[in-house]
Amino acid sequence: MVTTMVVTGATSGIDEHTAITLASQGHRVVVTGRNAGRGEEGVARIRSNSGNEDVHLALADMGDLTAVDALAAELIERFESIDVLVNNAGILAHERATTEDGIEQDFAINVVAPWRLTTQLSPALQAAAPARVVNLTGGSPRDEANQDRVMDEVERAREVQRLAAERRAGRES
């Protein structure tokens, strides 16, 4: 029986090596990426390096929840069951940005998208029981600008919590 493994963001780097390893073990591997050209090049490298032709590409921008929903629908349509989902796509932007959905970009791609994809793929994962979901995250603010941006986000979150607590206290009195 063929096992189907989906690896998000696996069109280059360490993510691609994860896909090569899985494909080398004889699994059907589906990699996701944002760019068709880079994705097809990544699939060709994975096939070549693994000796496994059962490697497929599905396109989606993980920073766009509509695209994540479409990716889930496509995967469910193409593959009856998914044995392993590796949520590997991630980002650590140098500057704060928000997605079209109004979510801070790093949070959207690193947290919301994997949760949403996993939730939407639940039927295909259940069909492969006992399926596995592996969530990976990487990167850290290595330069001073990123460290400052992360600390600004922490301070902003603390301020929101403080204001919410004041509002709750005002309603209780």
N, C-alpha and C. Protein backbone atom coordinates (compact mmCIF):
# COMPACT_ATOMS: atom_id res chain seq x y z
N MET A 1 0.84 -1.19 0.00
CA MET A 1 0.00 0.00 0.00
C MET A 1 0.88 1.24 0.00
N VAL A 2 0.53 2.19 -0.83
CA VAL A 2 1.29 3.43 -0.96
C VAL A 2 0.91 4.37 0.18
N THR A 3 1.92 4.93 0.82
CA THR A 3 1.65 5.95 1.84
C THR A 3 1.87 7.31 1.22
N THR A 4 0.96 8.21 1.52
CA THR A 4 1.02 9.56 0.97
C THR A 4 1.47 10.52 2.06
N MET A 5 2.51 11.28 1.73
CA MET A 5 3.07 12.23 2.68
C MET A 5 3.08 13.61 2.03
N VAL A 6 2.51 14.57 2.73
CA VAL A 6 2.47 15.95 2.25
C VAL A 6 3.46 16.76 3.08
N VAL A 7 4.33 17.49 2.37
CA VAL A 7 5.33 18.33 3.04
C VAL A 7 5.16 19.74 2.51
N THR A 8 4.72 20.65 3.37
CA THR A 8 4.53 22.03 2.92
C THR A 8 5.87 22.74 2.82
N GLY A 9 5.99 23.59 1.83
CA GLY A 9 7.20 24.40 1.67
C GLY A 9 8.43 23.61 1.28
N ALA A 10 8.25 22.48 0.62
CA ALA A 10 9.38 21.58 0.38
C ALA A 10 10.01 21.72 -0.99
N THR A 11 10.04 22.92 -1.53
CA THR A 11 10.61 23.09 -2.86
C THR A 11 12.06 23.56 -2.83
N SER A 12 12.64 23.70 -1.63
CA SER A 12 14.05 24.07 -1.53
C SER A 12 14.53 23.86 -0.10
N GLY A 13 15.83 23.93 0.09
CA GLY A 13 16.42 23.91 1.42
C GLY A 13 16.21 22.62 2.19
N ILE A 14 16.20 22.74 3.50
CA ILE A 14 16.05 21.56 4.36
C ILE A 14 14.71 20.88 4.15
N ASP A 15 13.71 21.67 3.79
CA ASP A 15 12.38 21.12 3.51
C ASP A 15 12.45 20.15 2.33
N GLU A 16 13.21 20.54 1.32
CA GLU A 16 13.38 19.68 0.14
C GLU A 16 14.10 18.39 0.54
N HIS A 17 15.07 18.49 1.42
CA HIS A 17 15.80 17.29 1.86
C HIS A 17 14.88 16.34 2.64
N THR A 18 13.94 16.90 3.38
CA THR A 18 12.94 16.07 4.05
C THR A 18 12.15 15.29 3.01
N ALA A 19 11.72 15.98 1.96
CA ALA A 19 10.95 15.33 0.89
C ALA A 19 11.79 14.27 0.17
N ILE A 20 13.06 14.55 -0.07
CA ILE A 20 13.95 13.57 -0.73
C ILE A 20 14.05 12.31 0.13
N THR A 21 14.24 12.50 1.43
CA THR A 21 14.35 11.34 2.33
C THR A 21 13.08 10.50 2.30
N LEU A 22 11.93 11.15 2.39
CA LEU A 22 10.67 10.41 2.38
C LEU A 22 10.46 9.70 1.04
N ALA A 23 10.75 10.39 -0.05
CA ALA A 23 10.61 9.78 -1.38
C ALA A 23 11.59 8.62 -1.55
N SER A 24 12.79 8.75 -1.01
CA SER A 24 13.79 7.67 -1.09
C SER A 24 13.32 6.42 -0.37
N GLN A 25 12.45 6.60 0.61
CA GLN A 25 11.92 5.46 1.36
C GLN A 25 10.72 4.83 0.65
N GLY A 26 10.36 5.35 -0.53
CA GLY A 26 9.30 4.76 -1.33
C GLY A 26 7.92 5.34 -1.13
N HIS A 27 7.82 6.41 -0.37
CA HIS A 27 6.51 7.03 -0.15
C HIS A 27 6.12 7.91 -1.33
N ARG A 28 4.82 8.06 -1.53
CA ARG A 28 4.32 9.10 -2.43
C ARG A 28 4.49 10.40 -1.66
N VAL A 29 5.10 11.39 -2.30
CA VAL A 29 5.36 12.66 -1.63
C VAL A 29 4.71 13.78 -2.43
N VAL A 30 3.98 14.61 -1.70
CA VAL A 30 3.37 15.79 -2.29
C VAL A 30 4.02 16.99 -1.62
N VAL A 31 4.65 17.84 -2.43
CA VAL A 31 5.28 19.03 -1.88
C VAL A 31 4.44 20.24 -2.26
N THR A 32 4.45 21.23 -1.39
CA THR A 32 3.72 22.45 -1.71
C THR A 32 4.71 23.60 -1.83
N GLY A 33 4.33 24.56 -2.62
CA GLY A 33 5.12 25.76 -2.80
C GLY A 33 4.26 26.86 -3.38
N ARG A 34 4.81 28.08 -3.40
CA ARG A 34 4.06 29.22 -3.91
C ARG A 34 4.24 29.43 -5.40
N ASN A 35 5.40 29.05 -5.92
CA ASN A 35 5.79 29.40 -7.27
C ASN A 35 5.87 28.14 -8.14
N ALA A 36 5.12 28.13 -9.24
CA ALA A 36 5.07 26.94 -10.10
C ALA A 36 6.44 26.58 -10.66
N GLY A 37 7.18 27.55 -11.13
CA GLY A 37 8.50 27.28 -11.72
C GLY A 37 9.46 26.67 -10.70
N ARG A 38 9.57 27.32 -9.55
CA ARG A 38 10.45 26.80 -8.49
C ARG A 38 9.93 25.46 -7.98
N GLY A 39 8.62 25.31 -7.93
CA GLY A 39 8.03 24.06 -7.48
C GLY A 39 8.36 22.91 -8.39
N GLU A 40 8.22 23.12 -9.70
CA GLU A 40 8.53 22.05 -10.67
C GLU A 40 10.02 21.71 -10.63
N GLU A 41 10.88 22.72 -10.46
CA GLU A 41 12.31 22.46 -10.34
C GLU A 41 12.59 21.64 -9.08
N GLY A 42 11.93 21.97 -7.99
CA GLY A 42 12.09 21.22 -6.74
C GLY A 42 11.63 19.78 -6.89
N VAL A 43 10.49 19.58 -7.53
CA VAL A 43 9.97 18.23 -7.75
C VAL A 43 10.96 17.43 -8.60
N ALA A 44 11.52 18.05 -9.63
CA ALA A 44 12.49 17.36 -10.49
C ALA A 44 13.73 16.93 -9.68
N ARG A 45 14.21 17.82 -8.81
CA ARG A 45 15.37 17.47 -7.96
C ARG A 45 15.03 16.34 -7.00
N ILE A 46 13.84 16.40 -6.40
CA ILE A 46 13.43 15.35 -5.46
C ILE A 46 13.33 14.01 -6.19
N ARG A 47 12.72 14.01 -7.37
CA ARG A 47 12.61 12.77 -8.15
C ARG A 47 13.99 12.24 -8.51
N SER A 48 14.85 13.12 -8.97
CA SER A 48 16.20 12.72 -9.38
C SER A 48 17.02 12.18 -8.21
N ASN A 49 16.99 12.89 -7.09
CA ASN A 49 17.81 12.51 -5.94
C ASN A 49 17.26 11.31 -5.17
N SER A 50 15.97 11.04 -5.32
CA SER A 50 15.36 9.93 -4.58
C SER A 50 15.17 8.69 -5.44
N GLY A 51 15.15 8.87 -6.75
CA GLY A 51 14.85 7.75 -7.64
C GLY A 51 13.38 7.39 -7.62
N ASN A 52 12.55 8.26 -7.10
CA ASN A 52 11.11 8.01 -6.97
C ASN A 52 10.37 9.01 -7.84
N GLU A 53 9.60 8.51 -8.79
CA GLU A 53 8.82 9.38 -9.68
C GLU A 53 7.48 9.79 -9.07
N ASP A 54 7.11 9.16 -7.96
CA ASP A 54 5.80 9.42 -7.33
C ASP A 54 5.90 10.64 -6.41
N VAL A 55 6.31 11.76 -6.99
CA VAL A 55 6.46 13.03 -6.28
C VAL A 55 5.61 14.05 -7.03
N HIS A 56 4.80 14.79 -6.28
CA HIS A 56 3.81 15.68 -6.89
C HIS A 56 3.92 17.08 -6.29
N LEU A 57 3.40 18.05 -7.02
CA LEU A 57 3.41 19.44 -6.58
C LEU A 57 1.99 19.95 -6.43
N ALA A 58 1.75 20.69 -5.36
CA ALA A 58 0.49 21.41 -5.17
C ALA A 58 0.87 22.84 -4.80
N LEU A 59 0.27 23.79 -5.45
CA LEU A 59 0.64 25.20 -5.24
C LEU A 59 -0.29 25.89 -4.26
N ALA A 60 0.31 26.68 -3.38
CA ALA A 60 -0.47 27.51 -2.46
C ALA A 60 0.46 28.49 -1.77
N ASP A 61 -0.05 29.69 -1.55
CA ASP A 61 0.62 30.69 -0.74
C ASP A 61 0.06 30.54 0.67
N MET A 62 0.88 30.07 1.60
CA MET A 62 0.42 29.79 2.95
C MET A 62 0.06 31.07 3.72
N GLY A 63 0.35 32.21 3.16
CA GLY A 63 -0.04 33.48 3.77
C GLY A 63 -1.42 33.94 3.34
N ASP A 64 -2.09 33.14 2.55
CA ASP A 64 -3.42 33.47 2.02
C ASP A 64 -4.37 32.35 2.42
N LEU A 65 -5.27 32.61 3.36
CA LEU A 65 -6.15 31.55 3.87
C LEU A 65 -7.06 30.97 2.79
N THR A 66 -7.44 31.76 1.81
CA THR A 66 -8.23 31.23 0.70
C THR A 66 -7.41 30.21 -0.07
N ALA A 67 -6.12 30.49 -0.26
CA ALA A 67 -5.23 29.55 -0.95
C ALA A 67 -5.01 28.29 -0.11
N VAL A 68 -4.94 28.43 1.20
CA VAL A 68 -4.79 27.27 2.09
C VAL A 68 -6.03 26.39 1.98
N ASP A 69 -7.21 27.00 1.98
CA ASP A 69 -8.46 26.25 1.83
C ASP A 69 -8.49 25.52 0.48
N ALA A 70 -8.07 26.21 -0.58
CA ALA A 70 -8.05 25.59 -1.91
C ALA A 70 -7.04 24.45 -1.96
N LEU A 71 -5.90 24.62 -1.29
CA LEU A 71 -4.90 23.54 -1.22
C LEU A 71 -5.49 22.32 -0.55
N ALA A 72 -6.16 22.51 0.56
CA ALA A 72 -6.77 21.38 1.27
C ALA A 72 -7.79 20.68 0.38
N ALA A 73 -8.62 21.44 -0.29
CA ALA A 73 -9.64 20.84 -1.17
C ALA A 73 -8.97 20.07 -2.30
N GLU A 74 -7.91 20.62 -2.88
CA GLU A 74 -7.20 19.93 -3.96
C GLU A 74 -6.57 18.63 -3.47
N LEU A 75 -5.94 18.66 -2.31
CA LEU A 75 -5.30 17.45 -1.78
C LEU A 75 -6.32 16.37 -1.48
N ILE A 76 -7.46 16.75 -0.92
CA ILE A 76 -8.51 15.78 -0.63
C ILE A 76 -9.05 15.17 -1.93
N GLU A 77 -9.18 16.01 -2.95
CA GLU A 77 -9.68 15.52 -4.24
C GLU A 77 -8.68 14.58 -4.92
N ARG A 78 -7.39 14.93 -4.85
CA ARG A 78 -6.35 14.15 -5.55
C ARG A 78 -5.95 12.88 -4.81
N PHE A 79 -6.01 12.90 -3.48
CA PHE A 79 -5.50 11.77 -2.71
C PHE A 79 -6.56 11.32 -1.71
N GLU A 80 -6.92 10.06 -1.80
CA GLU A 80 -7.98 9.51 -0.96
C GLU A 80 -7.66 9.64 0.52
N SER A 81 -6.39 9.42 0.84
CA SER A 81 -5.98 9.53 2.24
C SER A 81 -4.58 10.14 2.30
N ILE A 82 -4.29 10.74 3.44
CA ILE A 82 -2.96 11.32 3.68
C ILE A 82 -2.45 10.71 4.97
N ASP A 83 -1.33 10.01 4.85
CA ASP A 83 -0.76 9.30 5.99
C ASP A 83 0.03 10.21 6.91
N VAL A 84 0.75 11.17 6.31
CA VAL A 84 1.58 12.08 7.09
C VAL A 84 1.46 13.47 6.49
N LEU A 85 1.23 14.45 7.34
CA LEU A 85 1.26 15.86 6.95
C LEU A 85 2.39 16.51 7.73
N VAL A 86 3.36 17.03 6.99
CA VAL A 86 4.47 17.76 7.62
C VAL A 86 4.26 19.24 7.32
N ASN A 87 3.82 19.98 8.34
CA ASN A 87 3.64 21.42 8.22
C ASN A 87 5.00 22.06 8.43
N ASN A 88 5.64 22.35 7.30
CA ASN A 88 7.04 22.76 7.32
C ASN A 88 7.24 24.18 6.80
N ALA A 89 6.29 24.69 6.02
CA ALA A 89 6.43 26.02 5.45
C ALA A 89 6.48 27.04 6.59
N GLY A 90 7.36 28.00 6.47
CA GLY A 90 7.46 29.00 7.52
C GLY A 90 8.15 30.25 7.02
N ILE A 91 8.12 31.27 7.87
CA ILE A 91 8.70 32.56 7.51
C ILE A 91 9.15 33.28 8.77
N LEU A 92 10.16 34.07 8.62
CA LEU A 92 10.55 35.03 9.64
C LEU A 92 10.91 36.31 8.88
N ALA A 93 9.92 37.15 8.71
CA ALA A 93 10.09 38.36 7.92
C ALA A 93 10.95 39.38 8.65
N HIS A 94 11.64 40.18 7.88
CA HIS A 94 12.49 41.22 8.47
C HIS A 94 11.68 42.43 8.94
N GLU A 95 10.52 42.60 8.33
CA GLU A 95 9.67 43.72 8.72
C GLU A 95 8.26 43.21 8.96
N ARG A 96 7.56 43.89 9.85
CA ARG A 96 6.19 43.51 10.15
C ARG A 96 5.32 43.79 8.93
N ALA A 97 4.48 42.82 8.62
CA ALA A 97 3.53 42.97 7.51
C ALA A 97 2.28 42.19 7.87
N THR A 98 1.19 42.57 7.26
CA THR A 98 -0.05 41.83 7.46
C THR A 98 -0.46 41.19 6.14
N THR A 99 -1.18 40.09 6.24
CA THR A 99 -1.67 39.40 5.05
C THR A 99 -2.94 40.08 4.56
N GLU A 100 -3.43 39.65 3.41
CA GLU A 100 -4.70 40.16 2.89
C GLU A 100 -5.84 39.86 3.86
N ASP A 101 -5.66 38.83 4.69
CA ASP A 101 -6.68 38.47 5.67
C ASP A 101 -6.59 39.32 6.93
N GLY A 102 -5.60 40.24 6.98
CA GLY A 102 -5.44 41.13 8.12
C GLY A 102 -4.70 40.52 9.30
N ILE A 103 -3.99 39.43 9.06
CA ILE A 103 -3.25 38.74 10.12
C ILE A 103 -1.77 39.05 9.96
N GLU A 104 -1.08 39.25 11.08
CA GLU A 104 0.37 39.48 11.01
C GLU A 104 0.98 38.31 10.25
N GLN A 105 1.84 38.62 9.27
CA GLN A 105 2.33 37.65 8.31
C GLN A 105 3.02 36.43 8.93
N ASP A 106 3.94 36.64 9.85
CA ASP A 106 4.64 35.50 10.47
C ASP A 106 3.65 34.59 11.19
N PHE A 107 2.72 35.18 11.93
CA PHE A 107 1.72 34.40 12.66
C PHE A 107 0.81 33.65 11.69
N ALA A 108 0.43 34.31 10.61
CA ALA A 108 -0.46 33.69 9.62
C ALA A 108 0.18 32.46 9.00
N ILE A 109 1.44 32.57 8.61
CA ILE A 109 2.11 31.48 7.90
C ILE A 109 2.61 30.40 8.85
N ASN A 110 3.10 30.80 10.01
CA ASN A 110 3.71 29.83 10.94
C ASN A 110 2.71 29.15 11.87
N VAL A 111 1.56 29.78 12.10
CA VAL A 111 0.61 29.23 13.07
C VAL A 111 -0.77 28.98 12.43
N VAL A 112 -1.36 30.02 11.88
CA VAL A 112 -2.73 29.89 11.39
C VAL A 112 -2.83 28.94 10.19
N ALA A 113 -1.95 29.09 9.22
CA ALA A 113 -2.02 28.24 8.02
C ALA A 113 -1.85 26.75 8.34
N PRO A 114 -0.86 26.36 9.15
CA PRO A 114 -0.76 24.93 9.48
C PRO A 114 -2.00 24.40 10.22
N TRP A 115 -2.52 25.20 11.15
CA TRP A 115 -3.72 24.79 11.86
C TRP A 115 -4.89 24.62 10.89
N ARG A 116 -5.05 25.60 10.02
CA ARG A 116 -6.16 25.57 9.06
C ARG A 116 -6.03 24.39 8.11
N LEU A 117 -4.82 24.17 7.59
CA LEU A 117 -4.61 23.06 6.66
C LEU A 117 -4.87 21.72 7.35
N THR A 118 -4.34 21.57 8.55
CA THR A 118 -4.54 20.32 9.29
C THR A 118 -6.02 20.08 9.55
N THR A 119 -6.72 21.10 9.97
CA THR A 119 -8.15 20.98 10.25
C THR A 119 -8.92 20.58 8.99
N GLN A 120 -8.60 21.23 7.89
CA GLN A 120 -9.32 20.95 6.65
C GLN A 120 -8.97 19.58 6.06
N LEU A 121 -7.76 19.09 6.35
CA LEU A 121 -7.35 17.77 5.85
C LEU A 121 -7.78 16.63 6.78
N SER A 122 -8.47 16.97 7.83
CA SER A 122 -8.87 15.97 8.82
C SER A 122 -9.53 14.73 8.20
N PRO A 123 -10.46 14.86 7.24
CA PRO A 123 -11.06 13.65 6.66
C PRO A 123 -10.03 12.74 5.98
N ALA A 124 -9.09 13.33 5.25
CA ALA A 124 -8.06 12.52 4.57
C ALA A 124 -7.09 11.91 5.57
N LEU A 125 -6.80 12.61 6.64
CA LEU A 125 -5.93 12.08 7.69
C LEU A 125 -6.64 10.94 8.44
N GLN A 126 -7.90 11.12 8.72
CA GLN A 126 -8.67 10.07 9.41
C GLN A 126 -8.80 8.83 8.53
N ALA A 127 -8.88 9.03 7.22
CA ALA A 127 -8.98 7.89 6.30
C ALA A 127 -7.71 7.04 6.31
N ALA A 128 -6.60 7.63 6.71
CA ALA A 128 -5.32 6.92 6.75
C ALA A 128 -4.95 6.47 8.16
N ALA A 129 -5.88 6.55 9.08
CA ALA A 129 -5.56 6.27 10.49
C ALA A 129 -4.71 5.00 10.62
N PRO A 130 -3.68 5.04 11.41
CA PRO A 130 -3.27 6.14 12.27
C PRO A 130 -2.34 7.10 11.53
N ALA A 131 -2.86 8.21 11.08
CA ALA A 131 -2.08 9.23 10.39
C ALA A 131 -1.28 10.05 11.39
N ARG A 132 -0.34 10.79 10.89
CA ARG A 132 0.50 11.63 11.74
C ARG A 132 0.57 13.04 11.17
N VAL A 133 0.63 14.02 12.07
CA VAL A 133 0.86 15.41 11.70
C VAL A 133 2.10 15.87 12.43
N VAL A 134 3.05 16.40 11.66
CA VAL A 134 4.30 16.90 12.23
C VAL A 134 4.34 18.40 11.97
N ASN A 135 4.43 19.18 13.05
CA ASN A 135 4.52 20.63 12.91
C ASN A 135 5.94 21.06 13.22
N LEU A 136 6.54 21.75 12.27
CA LEU A 136 7.90 22.25 12.44
C LEU A 136 7.89 23.76 12.36
N THR A 137 8.80 24.36 13.03
CA THR A 137 8.97 25.79 12.91
C THR A 137 10.45 26.07 13.02
N GLY A 138 10.87 27.12 12.42
CA GLY A 138 12.29 27.42 12.44
C GLY A 138 12.51 28.90 12.38
N GLY A 139 13.75 29.22 12.42
CA GLY A 139 14.12 30.62 12.35
C GLY A 139 14.03 31.29 13.69
N SER A 140 14.85 32.24 13.85
CA SER A 140 14.81 33.05 15.06
C SER A 140 15.35 34.41 14.68
N PRO A 141 14.93 35.42 15.42
CA PRO A 141 15.40 36.77 15.07
C PRO A 141 16.89 36.90 15.37
N ARG A 142 17.72 36.75 14.34
CA ARG A 142 19.17 36.76 14.53
C ARG A 142 19.77 38.16 14.48
N ASP A 143 19.15 39.02 13.73
CA ASP A 143 19.73 40.35 13.67
C ASP A 143 18.94 41.31 14.56
N GLU A 144 19.55 42.42 14.85
CA GLU A 144 18.96 43.36 15.80
C GLU A 144 17.61 43.89 15.35
N ALA A 145 17.45 44.12 14.03
CA ALA A 145 16.17 44.63 13.53
C ALA A 145 15.05 43.64 13.80
N ASN A 146 15.29 42.35 13.55
CA ASN A 146 14.27 41.35 13.81
C ASN A 146 14.00 41.21 15.29
N GLN A 147 15.03 41.26 16.11
CA GLN A 147 14.83 41.17 17.55
C GLN A 147 13.98 42.33 18.03
N ASP A 148 14.25 43.52 17.52
CA ASP A 148 13.45 44.68 17.89
C ASP A 148 12.00 44.52 17.44
N ARG A 149 11.80 43.99 16.23
CA ARG A 149 10.43 43.80 15.73
C ARG A 149 9.68 42.81 16.59
N VAL A 150 10.33 41.72 16.97
CA VAL A 150 9.68 40.72 17.82
C VAL A 150 9.33 41.34 19.17
N MET A 151 10.25 42.09 19.74
CA MET A 151 9.98 42.72 21.04
C MET A 151 8.86 43.74 20.93
N ASP A 152 8.79 44.47 19.80
CA ASP A 152 7.68 45.39 19.59
C ASP A 152 6.35 44.64 19.56
N GLU A 153 6.33 43.47 18.92
CA GLU A 153 5.11 42.66 18.88
C GLU A 153 4.73 42.21 20.28
N VAL A 154 5.72 41.81 21.08
CA VAL A 154 5.45 41.37 22.45
C VAL A 154 4.86 42.53 23.25
N GLU A 155 5.44 43.71 23.13
CA GLU A 155 4.94 44.89 23.84
C GLU A 155 3.53 45.24 23.39
N ARG A 156 3.28 45.15 22.08
CA ARG A 156 1.95 45.42 21.54
C ARG A 156 0.94 44.44 22.13
N ALA A 157 1.31 43.17 22.21
CA ALA A 157 0.41 42.16 22.78
C ALA A 157 0.14 42.44 24.25
N ARG A 158 1.15 42.84 24.97
CA ARG A 158 0.97 43.17 26.39
C ARG A 158 0.02 44.36 26.56
N GLU A 159 0.14 45.34 25.69
CA GLU A 159 -0.73 46.50 25.75
C GLU A 159 -2.18 46.10 25.47
N VAL A 160 -2.39 45.24 24.50
CA VAL A 160 -3.74 44.76 24.19
C VAL A 160 -4.31 44.01 25.40
N GLN A 161 -3.50 43.17 26.04
CA GLN A 161 -3.95 42.44 27.23
C GLN A 161 -4.30 43.41 28.35
N ARG A 162 -3.48 44.44 28.54
CA ARG A 162 -3.73 45.43 29.60
C ARG A 162 -5.05 46.15 29.34
N LEU A 163 -5.26 46.58 28.11
CA LEU A 163 -6.49 47.30 27.76
C LEU A 163 -7.72 46.40 27.92
N ALA A 164 -7.59 45.13 27.53
CA ALA A 164 -8.70 44.20 27.70
C ALA A 164 -9.02 43.99 29.17
N ALA A 165 -7.99 43.89 30.00
CA ALA A 165 -8.22 43.72 31.44
C ALA A 165 -8.90 44.95 32.03
N GLU A 166 -8.49 46.14 31.60
CA GLU A 166 -9.13 47.37 32.08
C GLU A 166 -10.60 47.40 31.65
N ARG A 167 -10.86 47.00 30.43
CA ARG A 167 -12.24 47.00 29.94
C ARG A 167 -13.09 46.02 30.72
N ARG A 168 -12.56 44.82 30.99
CA ARG A 168 -13.31 43.84 31.80
C ARG A 168 -13.55 44.39 33.20
N ALA A 169 -12.53 45.02 33.80
CA ALA A 169 -12.66 45.56 35.15
C ALA A 169 -13.73 46.65 35.17
N GLY A 170 -13.78 47.47 34.11
CA GLY A 170 -14.78 48.53 34.03
C GLY A 170 -16.19 47.99 33.93
N ARG A 171 -16.37 46.86 33.24
CA ARG A 171 -17.70 46.26 33.12
C ARG A 171 -18.14 45.61 34.41
N GLU A 172 -17.18 45.12 35.19
CA GLU A 172 -17.51 44.43 36.44
C GLU A 172 -17.88 45.39 37.55
N SER A 173 -17.45 46.65 37.45
CA SER A 173 -17.74 47.59 38.55
C SER A 173 -19.06 48.29 38.39
